[in-house]
Amino acid sequence: MWTEPRTALVSSRSRAGDIEQVCLITDGDSVSHVINSVDSADTSSRPKSAEPKSAREERFAAQSWESLKASGNPIYETAREFADVFPDKIPAELPADHGVRHEIDLAPGSKYCVTRQWPLPRDQVKAIDDFFEGRRQVGHVRESISPQSSPTFCVKKATGG
C-alpha cells in the first residue's frame, strides 16, 4: 500500500521509434483528476492511428511539458526530473539509473507461480535470441536480478489483432 503520493511516467513509441505520447500516472489522492485532462469521448472506440492529424496534434499539445507546467500541476517538477527517460529520439544506451528499485514482497509461505513456456519453432527462438543479443550489445537491455521475471516483448499479430 502506498503511504505517500507516487508517480509513474509511461510513453508509447511509433514504428520509427519516435515518442508518440507521454502519460503521467499518479495516485488518485494527490492530484485533481481534471488537471491537464483531455476529453476523448468521441475517439475512444477507434484506434489512435485512425484519428485525424489535427486531433492527435491537439491531444499531444495538451500533454506537453509546457501544458503541464501551465496547469500548475504539482507533479511537473517530479516529471521534469525524469525527462531523460523519454527523449525525443531513442538513445544508444539506457537512461541514467535514478536509484529507483521496485520490489514485490510475497506473503510468508507463498510460492512462485511457475508456468511452462510455450514451445517455439527453432527459427523463432533464434530470432528472439538475436533480438535480445542485439539489444544487449547496444545497451538497451540490462540484467534483471528478479527470480520472477523474464525478458518479454510484444508485437502485433500479422493478422492485425
N, C-alpha and C. Protein backbone atom coordinates (compact mmCIF):
# COMPACT_ATOMS: atom_id res chain seq x y z
N MET A 1 0.84 -1.17 0.00
CA MET A 1 0.00 0.00 0.00
C MET A 1 0.89 1.24 0.00
N TRP A 2 0.53 2.23 -0.81
CA TRP A 2 1.30 3.47 -0.87
C TRP A 2 1.00 4.31 0.35
N THR A 3 2.04 4.87 0.94
CA THR A 3 1.86 5.74 2.09
C THR A 3 2.13 7.19 1.74
N GLU A 4 2.64 7.44 0.57
CA GLU A 4 2.89 8.80 0.11
C GLU A 4 2.56 8.87 -1.37
N PRO A 5 2.34 10.06 -1.92
CA PRO A 5 2.00 10.15 -3.34
C PRO A 5 3.09 9.53 -4.21
N ARG A 6 2.69 8.75 -5.20
CA ARG A 6 3.62 8.12 -6.12
C ARG A 6 3.30 8.57 -7.54
N THR A 7 4.30 8.54 -8.38
CA THR A 7 4.15 8.99 -9.76
C THR A 7 4.84 8.01 -10.69
N ALA A 8 4.28 7.81 -11.87
CA ALA A 8 4.92 6.99 -12.90
C ALA A 8 4.76 7.69 -14.24
N LEU A 9 5.77 7.61 -15.07
CA LEU A 9 5.71 8.14 -16.43
C LEU A 9 5.69 6.97 -17.40
N VAL A 10 4.83 7.03 -18.39
CA VAL A 10 4.69 5.97 -19.38
C VAL A 10 4.72 6.61 -20.76
N SER A 11 5.43 6.01 -21.70
CA SER A 11 5.44 6.57 -23.06
C SER A 11 5.10 5.48 -24.06
N SER A 12 4.66 5.91 -25.24
CA SER A 12 4.45 4.98 -26.34
C SER A 12 5.24 5.50 -27.53
N ARG A 13 5.74 4.58 -28.33
CA ARG A 13 6.59 4.95 -29.45
C ARG A 13 5.99 4.47 -30.76
N SER A 14 6.28 5.20 -31.84
CA SER A 14 5.84 4.80 -33.17
C SER A 14 6.79 3.75 -33.72
N ARG A 15 6.47 3.22 -34.90
CA ARG A 15 7.36 2.23 -35.52
C ARG A 15 8.75 2.81 -35.77
N ALA A 16 8.81 4.10 -36.06
CA ALA A 16 10.10 4.74 -36.33
C ALA A 16 10.87 4.99 -35.05
N GLY A 17 10.25 4.74 -33.89
CA GLY A 17 10.93 4.95 -32.62
C GLY A 17 10.70 6.32 -32.03
N ASP A 18 9.92 7.18 -32.71
CA ASP A 18 9.64 8.50 -32.17
C ASP A 18 8.61 8.38 -31.06
N ILE A 19 8.71 9.25 -30.08
CA ILE A 19 7.74 9.25 -28.99
C ILE A 19 6.41 9.76 -29.51
N GLU A 20 5.34 8.97 -29.33
CA GLU A 20 4.01 9.38 -29.75
C GLU A 20 3.26 10.06 -28.61
N GLN A 21 3.45 9.56 -27.38
CA GLN A 21 2.67 10.07 -26.27
C GLN A 21 3.41 9.80 -24.97
N VAL A 22 3.31 10.72 -24.02
CA VAL A 22 3.84 10.53 -22.68
C VAL A 22 2.68 10.71 -21.72
N CYS A 23 2.46 9.73 -20.86
CA CYS A 23 1.37 9.80 -19.89
C CYS A 23 1.95 9.83 -18.49
N LEU A 24 1.35 10.59 -17.62
CA LEU A 24 1.76 10.69 -16.23
C LEU A 24 0.70 10.01 -15.40
N ILE A 25 1.08 9.03 -14.59
CA ILE A 25 0.14 8.29 -13.76
C ILE A 25 0.45 8.60 -12.30
N THR A 26 -0.57 9.03 -11.56
CA THR A 26 -0.38 9.34 -10.15
C THR A 26 -1.45 8.64 -9.34
N ASP A 27 -1.23 8.56 -8.02
CA ASP A 27 -2.29 8.02 -7.19
C ASP A 27 -3.43 9.03 -7.13
N GLY A 28 -4.64 8.57 -6.92
CA GLY A 28 -5.83 9.40 -7.05
C GLY A 28 -5.96 10.52 -6.05
N ASP A 29 -5.31 10.43 -4.90
CA ASP A 29 -5.50 11.44 -3.86
C ASP A 29 -4.59 12.65 -3.99
N SER A 30 -3.49 12.53 -4.73
CA SER A 30 -2.51 13.61 -4.73
C SER A 30 -2.77 14.70 -5.75
N VAL A 31 -3.57 14.43 -6.78
CA VAL A 31 -3.76 15.41 -7.84
C VAL A 31 -5.22 15.43 -8.27
N SER A 32 -5.72 16.60 -8.60
CA SER A 32 -7.07 16.70 -9.13
C SER A 32 -7.16 15.95 -10.45
N HIS A 33 -8.26 15.25 -10.69
CA HIS A 33 -8.41 14.46 -11.91
C HIS A 33 -8.66 15.31 -13.14
N VAL A 34 -9.01 16.57 -12.98
CA VAL A 34 -9.31 17.40 -14.15
C VAL A 34 -8.11 18.19 -14.63
N ILE A 35 -7.02 18.20 -13.88
CA ILE A 35 -5.84 18.94 -14.30
C ILE A 35 -5.22 18.26 -15.52
N ASN A 36 -5.03 19.03 -16.57
CA ASN A 36 -4.35 18.56 -17.78
C ASN A 36 -5.03 17.34 -18.41
N SER A 37 -6.35 17.23 -18.25
CA SER A 37 -7.05 16.09 -18.84
C SER A 37 -7.46 16.41 -20.27
N VAL A 38 -7.64 15.36 -21.05
CA VAL A 38 -8.02 15.50 -22.45
C VAL A 38 -9.31 14.72 -22.65
N ASP A 39 -10.32 15.35 -23.23
CA ASP A 39 -11.59 14.68 -23.48
C ASP A 39 -11.46 13.83 -24.73
N SER A 40 -11.64 12.52 -24.57
CA SER A 40 -11.51 11.62 -25.71
C SER A 40 -12.77 10.80 -25.93
N ALA A 41 -13.92 11.29 -25.47
CA ALA A 41 -15.15 10.53 -25.54
C ALA A 41 -15.51 10.15 -26.98
N ASP A 42 -15.23 11.04 -27.92
CA ASP A 42 -15.62 10.76 -29.30
C ASP A 42 -14.63 9.87 -30.04
N THR A 43 -13.44 9.63 -29.49
CA THR A 43 -12.44 8.84 -30.22
C THR A 43 -12.07 7.56 -29.49
N SER A 44 -12.72 7.25 -28.38
CA SER A 44 -12.30 6.10 -27.58
C SER A 44 -12.55 4.76 -28.26
N SER A 45 -13.47 4.70 -29.21
CA SER A 45 -13.79 3.43 -29.83
C SER A 45 -12.95 3.14 -31.07
N ARG A 46 -12.11 4.07 -31.48
CA ARG A 46 -11.29 3.82 -32.67
C ARG A 46 -9.81 3.91 -32.31
N PRO A 47 -8.96 3.23 -33.07
CA PRO A 47 -7.53 3.28 -32.76
C PRO A 47 -6.96 4.68 -32.97
N LYS A 48 -5.88 4.99 -32.24
CA LYS A 48 -5.27 6.31 -32.35
C LYS A 48 -4.80 6.61 -33.76
N SER A 49 -4.39 5.57 -34.50
CA SER A 49 -3.92 5.80 -35.86
C SER A 49 -5.05 6.26 -36.78
N ALA A 50 -6.32 6.05 -36.38
CA ALA A 50 -7.46 6.47 -37.20
C ALA A 50 -7.89 7.90 -36.88
N GLU A 51 -7.29 8.51 -35.87
CA GLU A 51 -7.63 9.88 -35.51
C GLU A 51 -7.18 10.83 -36.62
N PRO A 52 -7.92 11.91 -36.81
CA PRO A 52 -7.42 12.94 -37.73
C PRO A 52 -6.13 13.54 -37.15
N LYS A 53 -5.26 14.00 -38.02
CA LYS A 53 -3.98 14.56 -37.58
C LYS A 53 -4.20 15.73 -36.63
N SER A 54 -5.19 16.57 -36.89
CA SER A 54 -5.44 17.72 -36.02
C SER A 54 -5.84 17.28 -34.61
N ALA A 55 -6.59 16.18 -34.49
CA ALA A 55 -6.99 15.68 -33.17
C ALA A 55 -5.77 15.16 -32.41
N ARG A 56 -4.87 14.45 -33.12
CA ARG A 56 -3.65 13.96 -32.47
C ARG A 56 -2.78 15.13 -32.01
N GLU A 57 -2.62 16.14 -32.87
CA GLU A 57 -1.80 17.29 -32.51
C GLU A 57 -2.38 18.01 -31.29
N GLU A 58 -3.71 18.13 -31.24
CA GLU A 58 -4.36 18.79 -30.10
C GLU A 58 -4.14 17.97 -28.82
N ARG A 59 -4.28 16.65 -28.92
CA ARG A 59 -4.08 15.79 -27.75
C ARG A 59 -2.64 15.85 -27.28
N PHE A 60 -1.70 15.80 -28.22
CA PHE A 60 -0.29 15.86 -27.84
C PHE A 60 0.06 17.21 -27.21
N ALA A 61 -0.48 18.29 -27.76
CA ALA A 61 -0.22 19.62 -27.20
C ALA A 61 -0.75 19.73 -25.78
N ALA A 62 -1.89 19.10 -25.51
CA ALA A 62 -2.47 19.14 -24.17
C ALA A 62 -1.66 18.32 -23.18
N GLN A 63 -0.78 17.44 -23.68
CA GLN A 63 0.03 16.59 -22.81
C GLN A 63 1.50 16.99 -22.84
N SER A 64 1.79 18.19 -23.31
CA SER A 64 3.18 18.64 -23.43
C SER A 64 3.71 19.12 -22.09
N TRP A 65 5.05 19.29 -22.03
CA TRP A 65 5.68 19.83 -20.82
C TRP A 65 5.13 21.22 -20.51
N GLU A 66 4.99 22.03 -21.57
CA GLU A 66 4.52 23.41 -21.36
C GLU A 66 3.10 23.41 -20.79
N SER A 67 2.24 22.55 -21.30
CA SER A 67 0.87 22.46 -20.82
C SER A 67 0.83 21.98 -19.37
N LEU A 68 1.67 21.01 -19.04
CA LEU A 68 1.73 20.50 -17.67
C LEU A 68 2.19 21.60 -16.71
N LYS A 69 3.20 22.37 -17.11
CA LYS A 69 3.69 23.45 -16.27
C LYS A 69 2.64 24.54 -16.11
N ALA A 70 2.00 24.92 -17.22
CA ALA A 70 1.00 25.99 -17.18
C ALA A 70 -0.22 25.62 -16.35
N SER A 71 -0.51 24.32 -16.22
CA SER A 71 -1.68 23.88 -15.46
C SER A 71 -1.49 24.04 -13.96
N GLY A 72 -0.25 24.25 -13.52
CA GLY A 72 0.02 24.36 -12.09
C GLY A 72 0.06 23.00 -11.41
N ASN A 73 0.15 21.95 -12.18
CA ASN A 73 0.17 20.59 -11.63
C ASN A 73 1.42 20.41 -10.77
N PRO A 74 1.26 19.97 -9.52
CA PRO A 74 2.43 19.81 -8.64
C PRO A 74 3.37 18.68 -9.07
N ILE A 75 2.96 17.87 -10.00
CA ILE A 75 3.78 16.76 -10.49
C ILE A 75 4.84 17.24 -11.48
N TYR A 76 4.70 18.46 -11.99
CA TYR A 76 5.60 18.96 -13.04
C TYR A 76 7.08 18.81 -12.65
N GLU A 77 7.45 19.23 -11.44
CA GLU A 77 8.86 19.18 -11.03
C GLU A 77 9.39 17.74 -11.01
N THR A 78 8.58 16.82 -10.50
CA THR A 78 8.99 15.41 -10.47
C THR A 78 9.12 14.87 -11.89
N ALA A 79 8.17 15.20 -12.74
CA ALA A 79 8.21 14.73 -14.12
C ALA A 79 9.45 15.26 -14.84
N ARG A 80 9.81 16.52 -14.64
CA ARG A 80 10.99 17.09 -15.29
C ARG A 80 12.27 16.42 -14.80
N GLU A 81 12.27 15.97 -13.55
CA GLU A 81 13.44 15.29 -13.01
C GLU A 81 13.74 14.01 -13.81
N PHE A 82 12.70 13.38 -14.35
CA PHE A 82 12.87 12.14 -15.10
C PHE A 82 12.67 12.35 -16.60
N ALA A 83 12.83 13.56 -17.09
CA ALA A 83 12.62 13.86 -18.51
C ALA A 83 13.57 13.06 -19.41
N ASP A 84 14.76 12.72 -18.92
CA ASP A 84 15.71 11.97 -19.74
C ASP A 84 15.25 10.55 -20.02
N VAL A 85 14.26 10.07 -19.31
CA VAL A 85 13.74 8.73 -19.54
C VAL A 85 12.96 8.68 -20.85
N PHE A 86 12.43 9.83 -21.30
CA PHE A 86 11.63 9.89 -22.52
C PHE A 86 12.19 10.92 -23.50
N PRO A 87 13.37 10.67 -24.07
CA PRO A 87 13.94 11.63 -25.02
C PRO A 87 13.19 11.61 -26.35
N ASP A 88 13.41 12.63 -27.17
CA ASP A 88 12.76 12.71 -28.47
C ASP A 88 13.21 11.59 -29.40
N LYS A 89 14.46 11.20 -29.33
CA LYS A 89 14.99 10.10 -30.14
C LYS A 89 15.53 9.03 -29.21
N ILE A 90 15.43 7.77 -29.62
CA ILE A 90 15.90 6.67 -28.79
C ILE A 90 17.43 6.71 -28.74
N PRO A 91 18.03 6.79 -27.54
CA PRO A 91 19.49 6.81 -27.44
C PRO A 91 20.06 5.41 -27.62
N ALA A 92 21.36 5.33 -27.75
CA ALA A 92 22.03 4.05 -27.93
C ALA A 92 22.24 3.31 -26.62
N GLU A 93 21.90 3.94 -25.49
CA GLU A 93 22.08 3.30 -24.19
C GLU A 93 20.85 3.55 -23.32
N LEU A 94 20.78 2.83 -22.21
CA LEU A 94 19.67 3.01 -21.28
C LEU A 94 19.77 4.37 -20.59
N PRO A 95 18.64 4.91 -20.12
CA PRO A 95 18.69 6.17 -19.38
C PRO A 95 19.50 6.01 -18.09
N ALA A 96 19.90 7.13 -17.52
CA ALA A 96 20.67 7.11 -16.28
C ALA A 96 19.88 6.41 -15.19
N ASP A 97 20.58 5.68 -14.33
CA ASP A 97 19.94 5.00 -13.21
C ASP A 97 19.65 6.03 -12.13
N HIS A 98 18.36 6.19 -11.81
CA HIS A 98 17.96 7.17 -10.79
C HIS A 98 17.88 6.55 -9.40
N GLY A 99 18.32 5.30 -9.26
CA GLY A 99 18.33 4.66 -7.96
C GLY A 99 16.97 4.16 -7.50
N VAL A 100 15.99 4.10 -8.40
CA VAL A 100 14.66 3.62 -8.03
C VAL A 100 14.64 2.11 -8.17
N ARG A 101 14.27 1.42 -7.12
CA ARG A 101 14.19 -0.04 -7.12
C ARG A 101 12.77 -0.44 -6.77
N HIS A 102 12.25 -1.42 -7.49
CA HIS A 102 10.89 -1.90 -7.25
C HIS A 102 10.96 -3.32 -6.71
N GLU A 103 10.18 -3.58 -5.69
CA GLU A 103 10.14 -4.91 -5.10
C GLU A 103 8.70 -5.30 -4.83
N ILE A 104 8.44 -6.58 -4.89
CA ILE A 104 7.14 -7.11 -4.50
C ILE A 104 7.41 -8.08 -3.36
N ASP A 105 6.89 -7.75 -2.19
CA ASP A 105 7.07 -8.62 -1.03
C ASP A 105 5.99 -9.68 -1.05
N LEU A 106 6.42 -10.95 -1.08
CA LEU A 106 5.48 -12.05 -1.07
C LEU A 106 5.06 -12.37 0.35
N ALA A 107 3.84 -12.84 0.50
CA ALA A 107 3.37 -13.26 1.82
C ALA A 107 4.18 -14.48 2.25
N PRO A 108 4.51 -14.59 3.54
CA PRO A 108 5.29 -15.74 4.01
C PRO A 108 4.61 -17.06 3.64
N GLY A 109 5.40 -17.98 3.11
CA GLY A 109 4.88 -19.29 2.74
C GLY A 109 4.33 -19.38 1.33
N SER A 110 4.23 -18.26 0.62
CA SER A 110 3.70 -18.31 -0.75
C SER A 110 4.79 -18.81 -1.70
N LYS A 111 4.36 -19.37 -2.81
CA LYS A 111 5.30 -19.93 -3.78
C LYS A 111 5.20 -19.17 -5.09
N TYR A 112 6.25 -19.28 -5.89
CA TYR A 112 6.25 -18.66 -7.20
C TYR A 112 5.16 -19.28 -8.06
N CYS A 113 4.62 -18.49 -8.94
CA CYS A 113 3.68 -19.01 -9.94
C CYS A 113 4.53 -19.43 -11.13
N VAL A 114 4.77 -20.71 -11.28
CA VAL A 114 5.63 -21.20 -12.35
C VAL A 114 4.76 -21.76 -13.46
N THR A 115 4.94 -21.24 -14.65
CA THR A 115 4.22 -21.77 -15.80
C THR A 115 5.22 -22.22 -16.84
N ARG A 116 4.85 -23.20 -17.62
CA ARG A 116 5.73 -23.70 -18.66
C ARG A 116 5.70 -22.77 -19.85
N GLN A 117 6.86 -22.49 -20.41
CA GLN A 117 6.93 -21.64 -21.58
C GLN A 117 6.36 -22.37 -22.78
N TRP A 118 5.63 -21.63 -23.60
CA TRP A 118 5.06 -22.20 -24.82
C TRP A 118 6.20 -22.57 -25.76
N PRO A 119 6.21 -23.80 -26.28
CA PRO A 119 7.30 -24.19 -27.17
C PRO A 119 7.25 -23.41 -28.49
N LEU A 120 8.41 -22.98 -28.94
CA LEU A 120 8.51 -22.22 -30.18
C LEU A 120 9.36 -22.97 -31.20
N PRO A 121 9.12 -22.75 -32.49
CA PRO A 121 10.00 -23.33 -33.52
C PRO A 121 11.41 -22.75 -33.39
N ARG A 122 12.40 -23.51 -33.83
CA ARG A 122 13.81 -23.09 -33.70
C ARG A 122 14.09 -21.73 -34.33
N ASP A 123 13.48 -21.46 -35.50
CA ASP A 123 13.76 -20.19 -36.17
C ASP A 123 13.24 -19.01 -35.34
N GLN A 124 12.12 -19.19 -34.64
CA GLN A 124 11.60 -18.12 -33.79
C GLN A 124 12.47 -17.93 -32.54
N VAL A 125 12.93 -19.04 -31.97
CA VAL A 125 13.83 -18.95 -30.81
C VAL A 125 15.10 -18.22 -31.21
N LYS A 126 15.65 -18.54 -32.38
CA LYS A 126 16.87 -17.86 -32.86
C LYS A 126 16.60 -16.37 -33.08
N ALA A 127 15.44 -16.03 -33.66
CA ALA A 127 15.11 -14.62 -33.90
C ALA A 127 15.00 -13.86 -32.58
N ILE A 128 14.39 -14.48 -31.57
CA ILE A 128 14.27 -13.83 -30.26
C ILE A 128 15.64 -13.67 -29.62
N ASP A 129 16.46 -14.72 -29.66
CA ASP A 129 17.82 -14.64 -29.10
C ASP A 129 18.64 -13.56 -29.80
N ASP A 130 18.55 -13.49 -31.13
CA ASP A 130 19.27 -12.47 -31.89
C ASP A 130 18.78 -11.07 -31.52
N PHE A 131 17.46 -10.92 -31.36
CA PHE A 131 16.89 -9.63 -30.99
C PHE A 131 17.46 -9.14 -29.66
N PHE A 132 17.43 -10.01 -28.64
CA PHE A 132 17.92 -9.60 -27.32
C PHE A 132 19.43 -9.44 -27.29
N GLU A 133 20.16 -10.22 -28.06
CA GLU A 133 21.61 -10.05 -28.12
C GLU A 133 21.95 -8.70 -28.74
N GLY A 134 21.24 -8.33 -29.80
CA GLY A 134 21.45 -7.01 -30.41
C GLY A 134 21.15 -5.89 -29.44
N ARG A 135 20.06 -6.02 -28.69
CA ARG A 135 19.70 -5.00 -27.69
C ARG A 135 20.73 -4.96 -26.56
N ARG A 136 21.26 -6.13 -26.16
CA ARG A 136 22.27 -6.17 -25.11
C ARG A 136 23.54 -5.46 -25.56
N GLN A 137 23.93 -5.68 -26.82
CA GLN A 137 25.16 -5.08 -27.33
C GLN A 137 25.09 -3.56 -27.40
N VAL A 138 23.92 -2.99 -27.70
CA VAL A 138 23.82 -1.53 -27.76
C VAL A 138 23.41 -0.92 -26.43
N GLY A 139 23.19 -1.76 -25.41
CA GLY A 139 22.91 -1.23 -24.08
C GLY A 139 21.45 -0.99 -23.77
N HIS A 140 20.52 -1.54 -24.57
CA HIS A 140 19.09 -1.35 -24.31
C HIS A 140 18.53 -2.35 -23.31
N VAL A 141 19.29 -3.38 -22.97
CA VAL A 141 18.83 -4.40 -22.04
C VAL A 141 19.83 -4.49 -20.92
N ARG A 142 19.34 -4.53 -19.69
CA ARG A 142 20.24 -4.78 -18.58
C ARG A 142 19.75 -6.00 -17.82
N GLU A 143 20.64 -6.66 -17.13
CA GLU A 143 20.33 -7.90 -16.44
C GLU A 143 19.31 -7.65 -15.33
N SER A 144 18.35 -8.55 -15.23
CA SER A 144 17.36 -8.48 -14.16
C SER A 144 17.85 -9.34 -13.00
N ILE A 145 17.66 -8.83 -11.78
CA ILE A 145 18.04 -9.61 -10.61
C ILE A 145 16.83 -10.31 -9.99
N SER A 146 15.67 -10.16 -10.62
CA SER A 146 14.45 -10.76 -10.09
C SER A 146 14.32 -12.21 -10.54
N PRO A 147 14.06 -13.12 -9.60
CA PRO A 147 13.85 -14.51 -9.99
C PRO A 147 12.46 -14.73 -10.59
N GLN A 148 11.62 -13.70 -10.56
CA GLN A 148 10.24 -13.84 -11.01
C GLN A 148 9.97 -13.13 -12.33
N SER A 149 10.99 -12.72 -13.04
CA SER A 149 10.75 -12.02 -14.30
C SER A 149 11.60 -12.63 -15.41
N SER A 150 11.19 -12.34 -16.62
CA SER A 150 11.95 -12.79 -17.77
C SER A 150 11.80 -11.75 -18.87
N PRO A 151 12.73 -11.69 -19.81
CA PRO A 151 12.61 -10.72 -20.90
C PRO A 151 11.32 -10.96 -21.69
N THR A 152 10.57 -9.93 -21.91
CA THR A 152 9.31 -10.04 -22.63
C THR A 152 9.18 -8.86 -23.57
N PHE A 153 8.70 -9.11 -24.77
CA PHE A 153 8.36 -8.02 -25.67
C PHE A 153 7.11 -8.41 -26.42
N CYS A 154 6.37 -7.42 -26.86
CA CYS A 154 5.09 -7.67 -27.52
C CYS A 154 5.14 -7.15 -28.95
N VAL A 155 4.56 -7.90 -29.84
CA VAL A 155 4.46 -7.48 -31.23
C VAL A 155 3.03 -7.67 -31.68
N LYS A 156 2.61 -6.89 -32.67
CA LYS A 156 1.27 -7.04 -33.22
C LYS A 156 1.20 -8.32 -34.03
N LYS A 157 0.02 -8.94 -34.02
CA LYS A 157 -0.19 -10.12 -34.85
C LYS A 157 -0.16 -9.72 -36.32
N ALA A 158 0.28 -10.62 -37.15
CA ALA A 158 0.31 -10.35 -38.59
C ALA A 158 -1.10 -10.12 -39.14
N THR A 159 -2.10 -10.67 -38.45
CA THR A 159 -3.49 -10.52 -38.89
C THR A 159 -4.10 -9.22 -38.41
N GLY A 160 -3.34 -8.42 -37.67
CA GLY A 160 -3.82 -7.12 -37.20
C GLY A 160 -4.54 -7.18 -35.88
N GLY A 161 -4.56 -8.32 -35.21
CA GLY A 161 -5.29 -8.48 -33.93
C GLY A 161 -4.51 -8.03 -32.75
